[in-house]
Amino acid sequence: MTMGTLEELLRDRADAIAQRWLLDALATYSAEASVAFGRERDPFANPVGHALREGTRGIVTALVDDVDDETVRHSLSEMVRIRAIQEFSPSQALAFVFRLKDAVLAELGSVARDPGLSDQLRELDRRIDRIGLAAFDSYVVCREQVFDLRVNEVRRSVAWAVERLNRRDAEAARSGSPAEVSGGVNGDREDSR
């Protein structure tokens, strides 16, 4: 006999599930970073910890209330954005999402083995998988933005270097001295032959 619906059980244990999941997510960092991210509550002093704390809480709430995909994406966005710029492989960056299943089962304990909840637990697994897929979509968008920023930075650096070389060559030509280095963008040298 079941002890209530899964929704009721999740709602009763939502804070504990979010806390356990947060600790699982923090465990993906070094021990020192994990402690720092978990301890400091100021969002400006600790944006990583704040994003994880708010995001895990938001996703658990979304899971319990079965809210729309846009709300889920909003709760994921900061967590995924931060992890997309850190030194994680894609699978390492997003594995924490699927650890939500472990957090739920751990908090439900023996109740999770109740045969009367098996259909509801399967549906919960599917919802968490959808959250994982939404996290993947968000991760890809964030990585594309990071790469675009890097490409733009390289372009600016190259443009600055080319402009500087051209300016130096123009100054050398005005002063009448032979250019000893680059002869412009093409790298031609003026050699005395």
N, C-alpha and C. Protein backbone atom coordinates (compact mmCIF):
# COMPACT_ATOMS: atom_id res chain seq x y z
N MET A 1 0.85 -1.18 0.00
CA MET A 1 0.00 0.00 0.00
C MET A 1 0.89 1.24 0.00
N THR A 2 0.57 2.17 -0.86
CA THR A 2 1.38 3.38 -0.97
C THR A 2 1.10 4.33 0.19
N MET A 3 2.09 5.15 0.47
CA MET A 3 1.98 6.09 1.58
C MET A 3 1.57 7.47 1.05
N GLY A 4 0.96 7.55 -0.08
CA GLY A 4 0.57 8.81 -0.71
C GLY A 4 1.05 8.82 -2.13
N THR A 5 0.70 9.86 -2.84
CA THR A 5 1.18 9.94 -4.21
C THR A 5 2.63 10.40 -4.21
N LEU A 6 3.30 10.12 -5.28
CA LEU A 6 4.69 10.54 -5.41
C LEU A 6 4.79 12.06 -5.33
N GLU A 7 3.84 12.74 -5.93
CA GLU A 7 3.83 14.20 -5.88
C GLU A 7 3.81 14.70 -4.44
N GLU A 8 2.97 14.10 -3.60
CA GLU A 8 2.90 14.50 -2.19
C GLU A 8 4.22 14.21 -1.49
N LEU A 9 4.80 13.05 -1.75
CA LEU A 9 6.07 12.70 -1.12
C LEU A 9 7.19 13.64 -1.56
N LEU A 10 7.21 13.97 -2.83
CA LEU A 10 8.23 14.89 -3.33
C LEU A 10 8.06 16.28 -2.73
N ARG A 11 6.81 16.72 -2.64
CA ARG A 11 6.54 18.04 -2.07
C ARG A 11 6.99 18.09 -0.61
N ASP A 12 6.72 17.02 0.15
CA ASP A 12 7.13 16.96 1.56
C ASP A 12 8.65 16.98 1.72
N ARG A 13 9.36 16.40 0.75
CA ARG A 13 10.81 16.25 0.86
C ARG A 13 11.58 17.16 -0.11
N ALA A 14 10.91 18.12 -0.70
CA ALA A 14 11.52 18.97 -1.73
C ALA A 14 12.78 19.68 -1.23
N ASP A 15 12.74 20.25 -0.04
CA ASP A 15 13.93 20.95 0.47
C ASP A 15 15.10 20.00 0.67
N ALA A 16 14.82 18.82 1.21
CA ALA A 16 15.88 17.84 1.42
C ALA A 16 16.44 17.33 0.09
N ILE A 17 15.57 17.13 -0.89
CA ILE A 17 16.02 16.69 -2.22
C ILE A 17 16.90 17.76 -2.85
N ALA A 18 16.47 19.02 -2.78
CA ALA A 18 17.26 20.11 -3.37
C ALA A 18 18.61 20.22 -2.67
N GLN A 19 18.64 20.08 -1.36
CA GLN A 19 19.90 20.18 -0.61
C GLN A 19 20.84 19.02 -0.98
N ARG A 20 20.30 17.82 -1.06
CA ARG A 20 21.12 16.66 -1.41
C ARG A 20 21.66 16.81 -2.84
N TRP A 21 20.81 17.27 -3.75
CA TRP A 21 21.23 17.45 -5.13
C TRP A 21 22.29 18.55 -5.23
N LEU A 22 22.12 19.62 -4.47
CA LEU A 22 23.11 20.69 -4.44
C LEU A 22 24.47 20.13 -3.99
N LEU A 23 24.46 19.33 -2.93
CA LEU A 23 25.71 18.75 -2.44
C LEU A 23 26.34 17.84 -3.50
N ASP A 24 25.51 17.09 -4.23
CA ASP A 24 26.03 16.26 -5.32
C ASP A 24 26.67 17.12 -6.42
N ALA A 25 26.02 18.22 -6.75
CA ALA A 25 26.55 19.12 -7.78
C ALA A 25 27.85 19.76 -7.32
N LEU A 26 27.90 20.16 -6.05
CA LEU A 26 29.12 20.77 -5.51
C LEU A 26 30.27 19.77 -5.46
N ALA A 27 29.95 18.50 -5.29
CA ALA A 27 30.98 17.46 -5.21
C ALA A 27 31.74 17.29 -6.53
N THR A 28 31.23 17.87 -7.61
CA THR A 28 31.94 17.77 -8.89
C THR A 28 33.14 18.72 -8.95
N TYR A 29 33.25 19.60 -7.97
CA TYR A 29 34.37 20.53 -7.89
C TYR A 29 35.41 19.99 -6.92
N SER A 30 36.56 20.62 -6.87
CA SER A 30 37.58 20.23 -5.91
C SER A 30 37.02 20.41 -4.49
N ALA A 31 37.62 19.72 -3.53
CA ALA A 31 37.12 19.79 -2.15
C ALA A 31 37.12 21.23 -1.64
N GLU A 32 38.18 21.96 -1.93
CA GLU A 32 38.28 23.35 -1.47
C GLU A 32 37.20 24.23 -2.11
N ALA A 33 37.03 24.09 -3.42
CA ALA A 33 36.02 24.89 -4.14
C ALA A 33 34.62 24.50 -3.68
N SER A 34 34.39 23.23 -3.48
CA SER A 34 33.08 22.75 -3.04
C SER A 34 32.68 23.38 -1.71
N VAL A 35 33.62 23.43 -0.78
CA VAL A 35 33.35 24.03 0.53
C VAL A 35 33.06 25.52 0.36
N ALA A 36 33.88 26.20 -0.43
CA ALA A 36 33.70 27.64 -0.63
C ALA A 36 32.36 27.93 -1.32
N PHE A 37 32.03 27.17 -2.36
CA PHE A 37 30.78 27.39 -3.08
C PHE A 37 29.57 27.09 -2.19
N GLY A 38 29.71 26.12 -1.32
CA GLY A 38 28.60 25.74 -0.46
C GLY A 38 28.40 26.66 0.73
N ARG A 39 29.47 27.29 1.18
CA ARG A 39 29.41 28.10 2.40
C ARG A 39 28.95 29.53 2.15
N GLU A 40 29.56 30.19 1.21
CA GLU A 40 29.29 31.62 0.97
C GLU A 40 27.92 31.81 0.34
N ARG A 41 27.08 32.63 0.96
CA ARG A 41 25.70 32.84 0.48
C ARG A 41 25.53 34.09 -0.37
N ASP A 42 26.50 34.98 -0.36
CA ASP A 42 26.40 36.23 -1.12
C ASP A 42 26.51 35.93 -2.62
N PRO A 43 25.48 36.26 -3.41
CA PRO A 43 25.52 35.94 -4.84
C PRO A 43 26.63 36.66 -5.60
N PHE A 44 27.09 37.81 -5.10
CA PHE A 44 28.15 38.54 -5.78
C PHE A 44 29.52 37.97 -5.43
N ALA A 45 29.68 37.52 -4.21
CA ALA A 45 30.95 36.92 -3.79
C ALA A 45 31.05 35.48 -4.25
N ASN A 46 29.92 34.85 -4.53
CA ASN A 46 29.90 33.43 -4.87
C ASN A 46 28.86 33.15 -5.95
N PRO A 47 29.09 33.60 -7.17
CA PRO A 47 28.09 33.39 -8.22
C PRO A 47 27.87 31.92 -8.56
N VAL A 48 28.90 31.10 -8.46
CA VAL A 48 28.75 29.67 -8.77
C VAL A 48 27.85 29.01 -7.74
N GLY A 49 28.16 29.20 -6.48
CA GLY A 49 27.33 28.61 -5.42
C GLY A 49 25.91 29.11 -5.46
N HIS A 50 25.75 30.41 -5.71
CA HIS A 50 24.41 30.99 -5.78
C HIS A 50 23.61 30.38 -6.94
N ALA A 51 24.25 30.29 -8.11
CA ALA A 51 23.56 29.73 -9.28
C ALA A 51 23.16 28.28 -9.02
N LEU A 52 24.04 27.51 -8.43
CA LEU A 52 23.72 26.11 -8.13
C LEU A 52 22.61 26.01 -7.09
N ARG A 53 22.68 26.82 -6.06
CA ARG A 53 21.67 26.78 -4.99
C ARG A 53 20.28 27.15 -5.55
N GLU A 54 20.23 28.26 -6.28
CA GLU A 54 18.95 28.71 -6.83
C GLU A 54 18.44 27.76 -7.92
N GLY A 55 19.35 27.30 -8.76
CA GLY A 55 18.96 26.42 -9.85
C GLY A 55 18.44 25.08 -9.37
N THR A 56 19.14 24.47 -8.42
CA THR A 56 18.68 23.17 -7.92
C THR A 56 17.33 23.32 -7.23
N ARG A 57 17.18 24.37 -6.46
CA ARG A 57 15.89 24.60 -5.79
C ARG A 57 14.78 24.82 -6.82
N GLY A 58 15.07 25.61 -7.85
CA GLY A 58 14.08 25.89 -8.89
C GLY A 58 13.69 24.64 -9.67
N ILE A 59 14.66 23.80 -9.98
CA ILE A 59 14.36 22.57 -10.74
C ILE A 59 13.54 21.61 -9.89
N VAL A 60 13.87 21.46 -8.62
CA VAL A 60 13.09 20.57 -7.75
C VAL A 60 11.66 21.09 -7.64
N THR A 61 11.50 22.38 -7.50
CA THR A 61 10.15 22.96 -7.45
C THR A 61 9.41 22.69 -8.75
N ALA A 62 10.11 22.87 -9.87
CA ALA A 62 9.50 22.62 -11.18
C ALA A 62 9.11 21.15 -11.33
N LEU A 63 9.95 20.28 -10.79
CA LEU A 63 9.68 18.84 -10.87
C LEU A 63 8.44 18.48 -10.05
N VAL A 64 8.34 19.04 -8.87
CA VAL A 64 7.20 18.76 -7.99
C VAL A 64 5.91 19.33 -8.58
N ASP A 65 5.98 20.54 -9.12
CA ASP A 65 4.79 21.21 -9.63
C ASP A 65 4.51 20.90 -11.10
N ASP A 66 5.43 20.14 -11.74
CA ASP A 66 5.30 19.77 -13.15
C ASP A 66 5.00 21.00 -14.00
N VAL A 67 5.91 21.99 -13.92
CA VAL A 67 5.72 23.25 -14.63
C VAL A 67 6.19 23.14 -16.08
N ASP A 68 5.95 24.21 -16.82
CA ASP A 68 6.27 24.23 -18.25
C ASP A 68 7.78 24.24 -18.50
N ASP A 69 8.14 23.91 -19.72
CA ASP A 69 9.55 23.80 -20.12
C ASP A 69 10.30 25.11 -19.99
N GLU A 70 9.63 26.23 -20.24
CA GLU A 70 10.30 27.53 -20.15
C GLU A 70 10.78 27.81 -18.73
N THR A 71 9.97 27.46 -17.73
CA THR A 71 10.37 27.65 -16.34
C THR A 71 11.56 26.77 -16.00
N VAL A 72 11.55 25.54 -16.53
CA VAL A 72 12.68 24.63 -16.31
C VAL A 72 13.94 25.22 -16.94
N ARG A 73 13.85 25.70 -18.18
CA ARG A 73 15.02 26.28 -18.85
C ARG A 73 15.55 27.48 -18.07
N HIS A 74 14.66 28.28 -17.52
CA HIS A 74 15.09 29.43 -16.74
C HIS A 74 15.88 28.98 -15.50
N SER A 75 15.38 27.96 -14.82
CA SER A 75 16.08 27.46 -13.63
C SER A 75 17.42 26.84 -13.98
N LEU A 76 17.53 26.25 -15.14
CA LEU A 76 18.77 25.63 -15.59
C LEU A 76 19.80 26.64 -16.08
N SER A 77 19.34 27.74 -16.62
CA SER A 77 20.19 28.62 -17.42
C SER A 77 21.49 29.04 -16.73
N GLU A 78 21.43 29.57 -15.54
CA GLU A 78 22.64 30.04 -14.87
C GLU A 78 23.58 28.90 -14.51
N MET A 79 23.00 27.79 -14.03
CA MET A 79 23.86 26.64 -13.69
C MET A 79 24.62 26.16 -14.92
N VAL A 80 23.92 26.00 -16.01
CA VAL A 80 24.53 25.48 -17.23
C VAL A 80 25.50 26.49 -17.81
N ARG A 81 25.15 27.77 -17.78
CA ARG A 81 26.03 28.80 -18.32
C ARG A 81 27.37 28.79 -17.60
N ILE A 82 27.33 28.69 -16.29
CA ILE A 82 28.57 28.67 -15.51
C ILE A 82 29.38 27.43 -15.83
N ARG A 83 28.73 26.28 -15.89
CA ARG A 83 29.44 25.04 -16.14
C ARG A 83 29.97 24.97 -17.58
N ALA A 84 29.34 25.69 -18.49
CA ALA A 84 29.79 25.70 -19.89
C ALA A 84 31.12 26.42 -20.06
N ILE A 85 31.44 27.35 -19.17
CA ILE A 85 32.71 28.08 -19.30
C ILE A 85 33.80 27.51 -18.40
N GLN A 86 33.45 26.53 -17.59
CA GLN A 86 34.45 25.91 -16.72
C GLN A 86 35.14 24.77 -17.46
N GLU A 87 36.17 24.25 -16.85
CA GLU A 87 36.99 23.21 -17.48
C GLU A 87 36.38 21.82 -17.30
N PHE A 88 35.17 21.65 -17.79
CA PHE A 88 34.48 20.36 -17.75
C PHE A 88 34.27 19.88 -19.19
N SER A 89 34.30 18.58 -19.37
CA SER A 89 33.83 18.04 -20.65
C SER A 89 32.31 18.20 -20.64
N PRO A 90 31.66 18.11 -21.79
CA PRO A 90 30.19 18.23 -21.80
C PRO A 90 29.51 17.23 -20.86
N SER A 91 29.99 16.00 -20.85
CA SER A 91 29.35 15.00 -19.97
C SER A 91 29.58 15.33 -18.51
N GLN A 92 30.78 15.82 -18.17
CA GLN A 92 31.03 16.22 -16.78
C GLN A 92 30.20 17.43 -16.40
N ALA A 93 30.05 18.35 -17.32
CA ALA A 93 29.31 19.58 -17.03
C ALA A 93 27.84 19.30 -16.74
N LEU A 94 27.28 18.29 -17.40
CA LEU A 94 25.84 18.05 -17.28
C LEU A 94 25.46 16.82 -16.48
N ALA A 95 26.42 16.05 -16.05
CA ALA A 95 26.12 14.82 -15.29
C ALA A 95 25.34 15.13 -14.01
N PHE A 96 25.57 16.31 -13.43
CA PHE A 96 24.89 16.64 -12.19
C PHE A 96 23.37 16.63 -12.35
N VAL A 97 22.88 16.94 -13.55
CA VAL A 97 21.43 16.98 -13.77
C VAL A 97 20.82 15.61 -13.49
N PHE A 98 21.48 14.58 -13.97
CA PHE A 98 20.94 13.22 -13.81
C PHE A 98 21.13 12.69 -12.39
N ARG A 99 21.99 13.35 -11.61
CA ARG A 99 22.15 12.97 -10.20
C ARG A 99 20.91 13.35 -9.39
N LEU A 100 20.02 14.13 -9.99
CA LEU A 100 18.75 14.44 -9.34
C LEU A 100 17.97 13.16 -9.07
N LYS A 101 18.07 12.20 -9.97
CA LYS A 101 17.39 10.91 -9.75
C LYS A 101 17.89 10.26 -8.47
N ASP A 102 19.21 10.27 -8.27
CA ASP A 102 19.79 9.68 -7.07
C ASP A 102 19.33 10.42 -5.81
N ALA A 103 19.28 11.75 -5.91
CA ALA A 103 18.85 12.55 -4.75
C ALA A 103 17.41 12.24 -4.38
N VAL A 104 16.55 12.09 -5.38
CA VAL A 104 15.14 11.77 -5.12
C VAL A 104 15.03 10.40 -4.47
N LEU A 105 15.69 9.41 -5.05
CA LEU A 105 15.61 8.05 -4.50
C LEU A 105 16.18 7.98 -3.09
N ALA A 106 17.27 8.69 -2.84
CA ALA A 106 17.86 8.69 -1.50
C ALA A 106 16.91 9.30 -0.48
N GLU A 107 16.25 10.37 -0.85
CA GLU A 107 15.33 11.02 0.09
C GLU A 107 14.04 10.25 0.27
N LEU A 108 13.61 9.53 -0.76
CA LEU A 108 12.40 8.72 -0.62
C LEU A 108 12.67 7.44 0.16
N GLY A 109 13.90 6.98 0.14
CA GLY A 109 14.28 5.79 0.89
C GLY A 109 13.50 4.57 0.44
N SER A 110 13.04 3.80 1.41
CA SER A 110 12.35 2.54 1.11
C SER A 110 11.00 2.76 0.41
N VAL A 111 10.46 3.95 0.55
CA VAL A 111 9.18 4.26 -0.10
C VAL A 111 9.33 4.14 -1.62
N ALA A 112 10.53 4.42 -2.13
CA ALA A 112 10.76 4.37 -3.57
C ALA A 112 10.62 2.96 -4.13
N ARG A 113 10.69 1.97 -3.26
CA ARG A 113 10.53 0.57 -3.72
C ARG A 113 9.09 0.10 -3.68
N ASP A 114 8.18 0.95 -3.27
CA ASP A 114 6.75 0.59 -3.21
C ASP A 114 6.24 0.35 -4.63
N PRO A 115 5.72 -0.85 -4.92
CA PRO A 115 5.23 -1.14 -6.27
C PRO A 115 4.12 -0.20 -6.73
N GLY A 116 3.39 0.36 -5.80
CA GLY A 116 2.31 1.27 -6.16
C GLY A 116 2.81 2.59 -6.72
N LEU A 117 4.08 2.87 -6.54
CA LEU A 117 4.65 4.12 -7.06
C LEU A 117 5.47 3.91 -8.33
N SER A 118 5.57 2.68 -8.80
CA SER A 118 6.48 2.39 -9.91
C SER A 118 6.14 3.20 -11.17
N ASP A 119 4.86 3.30 -11.52
CA ASP A 119 4.49 4.07 -12.71
C ASP A 119 4.83 5.55 -12.53
N GLN A 120 4.58 6.07 -11.34
CA GLN A 120 4.87 7.47 -11.06
C GLN A 120 6.38 7.72 -11.08
N LEU A 121 7.15 6.76 -10.58
CA LEU A 121 8.61 6.91 -10.59
C LEU A 121 9.16 6.87 -12.01
N ARG A 122 8.58 6.03 -12.86
CA ARG A 122 9.00 6.01 -14.27
C ARG A 122 8.72 7.35 -14.94
N GLU A 123 7.56 7.91 -14.65
CA GLU A 123 7.23 9.22 -15.21
C GLU A 123 8.18 10.29 -14.67
N LEU A 124 8.53 10.20 -13.40
CA LEU A 124 9.49 11.13 -12.82
C LEU A 124 10.85 11.00 -13.52
N ASP A 125 11.28 9.78 -13.79
CA ASP A 125 12.52 9.56 -14.52
C ASP A 125 12.47 10.23 -15.90
N ARG A 126 11.35 10.09 -16.58
CA ARG A 126 11.20 10.71 -17.90
C ARG A 126 11.27 12.24 -17.80
N ARG A 127 10.67 12.80 -16.77
CA ARG A 127 10.71 14.25 -16.58
C ARG A 127 12.14 14.71 -16.31
N ILE A 128 12.88 13.95 -15.52
CA ILE A 128 14.27 14.32 -15.25
C ILE A 128 15.10 14.18 -16.53
N ASP A 129 14.83 13.17 -17.32
CA ASP A 129 15.53 13.03 -18.61
C ASP A 129 15.24 14.23 -19.51
N ARG A 130 14.01 14.72 -19.52
CA ARG A 130 13.66 15.91 -20.32
C ARG A 130 14.43 17.13 -19.80
N ILE A 131 14.58 17.22 -18.48
CA ILE A 131 15.37 18.31 -17.90
C ILE A 131 16.81 18.19 -18.37
N GLY A 132 17.33 16.98 -18.40
CA GLY A 132 18.69 16.76 -18.89
C GLY A 132 18.85 17.16 -20.34
N LEU A 133 17.87 16.86 -21.16
CA LEU A 133 17.92 17.26 -22.57
C LEU A 133 17.85 18.77 -22.72
N ALA A 134 17.03 19.41 -21.90
CA ALA A 134 16.95 20.88 -21.92
C ALA A 134 18.29 21.47 -21.49
N ALA A 135 18.95 20.84 -20.51
CA ALA A 135 20.27 21.30 -20.07
C ALA A 135 21.28 21.17 -21.20
N PHE A 136 21.20 20.08 -21.95
CA PHE A 136 22.10 19.88 -23.08
C PHE A 136 21.90 20.98 -24.13
N ASP A 137 20.64 21.27 -24.46
CA ASP A 137 20.35 22.34 -25.43
C ASP A 137 20.94 23.67 -24.95
N SER A 138 20.74 23.98 -23.69
CA SER A 138 21.25 25.22 -23.12
C SER A 138 22.78 25.24 -23.13
N TYR A 139 23.39 24.11 -22.82
CA TYR A 139 24.84 23.99 -22.81
C TYR A 139 25.42 24.28 -24.20
N VAL A 140 24.81 23.70 -25.23
CA VAL A 140 25.29 23.90 -26.60
C VAL A 140 25.22 25.38 -26.97
N VAL A 141 24.13 26.04 -26.64
CA VAL A 141 24.00 27.47 -26.93
C VAL A 141 25.09 28.26 -26.20
N CYS A 142 25.31 27.94 -24.94
CA CYS A 142 26.34 28.65 -24.16
C CYS A 142 27.73 28.43 -24.74
N ARG A 143 28.05 27.19 -25.12
CA ARG A 143 29.37 26.90 -25.70
C ARG A 143 29.55 27.65 -27.02
N GLU A 144 28.50 27.74 -27.83
CA GLU A 144 28.59 28.50 -29.08
C GLU A 144 28.89 29.96 -28.79
N GLN A 145 28.26 30.51 -27.75
CA GLN A 145 28.51 31.90 -27.38
C GLN A 145 29.96 32.08 -26.93
N VAL A 146 30.46 31.13 -26.15
CA VAL A 146 31.86 31.19 -25.69
C VAL A 146 32.80 31.17 -26.89
N PHE A 147 32.57 30.26 -27.83
CA PHE A 147 33.42 30.19 -29.02
C PHE A 147 33.34 31.47 -29.85
N ASP A 148 32.14 32.02 -29.99
CA ASP A 148 31.98 33.28 -30.72
C ASP A 148 32.77 34.40 -30.06
N LEU A 149 32.72 34.47 -28.73
CA LEU A 149 33.49 35.48 -28.01
C LEU A 149 34.98 35.31 -28.25
N ARG A 150 35.44 34.06 -28.23
CA ARG A 150 36.87 33.80 -28.45
C ARG A 150 37.28 34.18 -29.87
N VAL A 151 36.47 33.83 -30.84
CA VAL A 151 36.78 34.16 -32.24
C VAL A 151 36.81 35.68 -32.41
N ASN A 152 35.85 36.38 -31.83
CA ASN A 152 35.82 37.84 -31.93
C ASN A 152 37.03 38.46 -31.26
N GLU A 153 37.48 37.91 -30.15
CA GLU A 153 38.66 38.42 -29.46
C GLU A 153 39.90 38.22 -30.33
N VAL A 154 40.02 37.06 -30.96
CA VAL A 154 41.15 36.81 -31.85
C VAL A 154 41.11 37.78 -33.03
N ARG A 155 39.94 37.99 -33.58
CA ARG A 155 39.81 38.94 -34.70
C ARG A 155 40.25 40.34 -34.29
N ARG A 156 39.81 40.77 -33.11
CA ARG A 156 40.22 42.10 -32.63
C ARG A 156 41.73 42.17 -32.44
N SER A 157 42.31 41.12 -31.89
CA SER A 157 43.76 41.09 -31.68
C SER A 157 44.52 41.13 -33.00
N VAL A 158 44.07 40.35 -33.96
CA VAL A 158 44.73 40.33 -35.27
C VAL A 158 44.56 41.69 -35.95
N ALA A 159 43.39 42.26 -35.90
CA ALA A 159 43.15 43.57 -36.52
C ALA A 159 44.04 44.62 -35.88
N TRP A 160 44.21 44.57 -34.57
CA TRP A 160 45.06 45.53 -33.87
C TRP A 160 46.51 45.35 -34.31
N ALA A 161 46.97 44.09 -34.42
CA ALA A 161 48.35 43.83 -34.82
C ALA A 161 48.60 44.28 -36.26
N VAL A 162 47.66 44.00 -37.15
CA VAL A 162 47.81 44.41 -38.54
C VAL A 162 47.83 45.94 -38.64
N GLU A 163 46.94 46.58 -37.91
CA GLU A 163 46.90 48.04 -37.92
C GLU A 163 48.21 48.62 -37.41
N ARG A 164 48.76 48.05 -36.39
CA ARG A 164 50.02 48.53 -35.82
C ARG A 164 51.17 48.34 -36.82
N LEU A 165 51.22 47.18 -37.47
CA LEU A 165 52.26 46.95 -38.48
C LEU A 165 52.13 47.93 -39.63
N ASN A 166 50.91 48.13 -40.08
CA ASN A 166 50.69 49.07 -41.19
C ASN A 166 51.07 50.49 -40.80
N ARG A 167 50.75 50.88 -39.58
CA ARG A 167 51.10 52.21 -39.10
C ARG A 167 52.62 52.38 -39.03
N ARG A 168 53.31 51.36 -38.54
CA ARG A 168 54.77 51.41 -38.44
C ARG A 168 55.40 51.49 -39.83
N ASP A 169 54.87 50.71 -40.75
CA ASP A 169 55.39 50.75 -42.12
C ASP A 169 55.14 52.11 -42.76
N ALA A 170 53.98 52.70 -42.51
CA ALA A 170 53.65 54.01 -43.06
C ALA A 170 54.59 55.07 -42.48
N GLU A 171 54.87 54.97 -41.20
CA GLU A 171 55.79 55.92 -40.55
C GLU A 171 57.19 55.77 -41.12
N ALA A 172 57.60 54.51 -41.34
CA ALA A 172 58.93 54.26 -41.91
C ALA A 172 59.02 54.82 -43.32
N ALA A 173 57.96 54.68 -44.10
CA ALA A 173 57.95 55.19 -45.47
C ALA A 173 58.00 56.71 -45.48
N ARG A 174 57.29 57.36 -44.56
CA ARG A 174 57.30 58.83 -44.47
C ARG A 174 58.67 59.35 -44.06
N SER A 175 59.33 58.64 -43.19
CA SER A 175 60.63 59.12 -42.71
C SER A 175 61.75 58.82 -43.69
N GLY A 176 61.44 58.00 -44.70
CA GLY A 176 62.43 57.71 -45.72
C GLY A 176 63.36 56.56 -45.36
N SER A 177 63.20 55.98 -44.21
CA SER A 177 64.07 54.86 -43.84
C SER A 177 63.50 53.56 -44.39
N PRO A 178 64.35 52.68 -44.81
CA PRO A 178 63.86 51.41 -45.36
C PRO A 178 63.19 50.58 -44.27
N ALA A 179 62.12 49.94 -44.63
CA ALA A 179 61.43 49.09 -43.67
C ALA A 179 62.22 47.82 -43.51
N GLU A 180 62.57 47.52 -42.29
CA GLU A 180 63.38 46.33 -42.05
C GLU A 180 62.53 45.13 -41.68
N VAL A 181 61.32 45.37 -41.31
CA VAL A 181 60.44 44.28 -40.94
C VAL A 181 59.33 44.15 -41.95
N SER A 182 58.22 43.77 -41.54
CA SER A 182 57.08 43.49 -42.41
C SER A 182 56.80 44.66 -43.34
N GLY A 183 56.47 44.31 -44.56
CA GLY A 183 56.13 45.33 -45.54
C GLY A 183 54.63 45.47 -45.68
N GLY A 184 53.89 45.25 -44.64
CA GLY A 184 52.44 45.36 -44.69
C GLY A 184 51.79 44.05 -44.30
N VAL A 185 50.55 43.95 -44.66
CA VAL A 185 49.74 42.80 -44.28
C VAL A 185 50.28 41.51 -44.85
N ASN A 186 50.85 41.55 -46.06
CA ASN A 186 51.31 40.32 -46.70
C ASN A 186 52.62 39.83 -46.16
N GLY A 187 53.28 40.63 -45.36
CA GLY A 187 54.53 40.20 -44.77
C GLY A 187 55.70 40.30 -45.74
N ASP A 188 55.53 41.07 -46.86
CA ASP A 188 56.63 41.23 -47.83
C ASP A 188 57.71 42.07 -47.19
N ARG A 189 58.94 41.72 -47.44
CA ARG A 189 60.06 42.51 -46.94
C ARG A 189 60.69 43.27 -48.10
N GLU A 190 61.17 44.44 -47.77
CA GLU A 190 61.91 45.20 -48.78
C GLU A 190 63.35 44.76 -48.65
N ASP A 191 63.80 43.99 -49.55
CA ASP A 191 65.19 43.55 -49.53
C ASP A 191 65.98 44.35 -50.55
N SER A 192 67.20 44.64 -50.21
CA SER A 192 68.06 45.27 -51.20
C SER A 192 68.64 44.15 -52.06
N ARG A 193 68.39 44.21 -53.33
CA ARG A 193 68.83 43.15 -54.23
C ARG A 193 69.86 43.63 -55.15
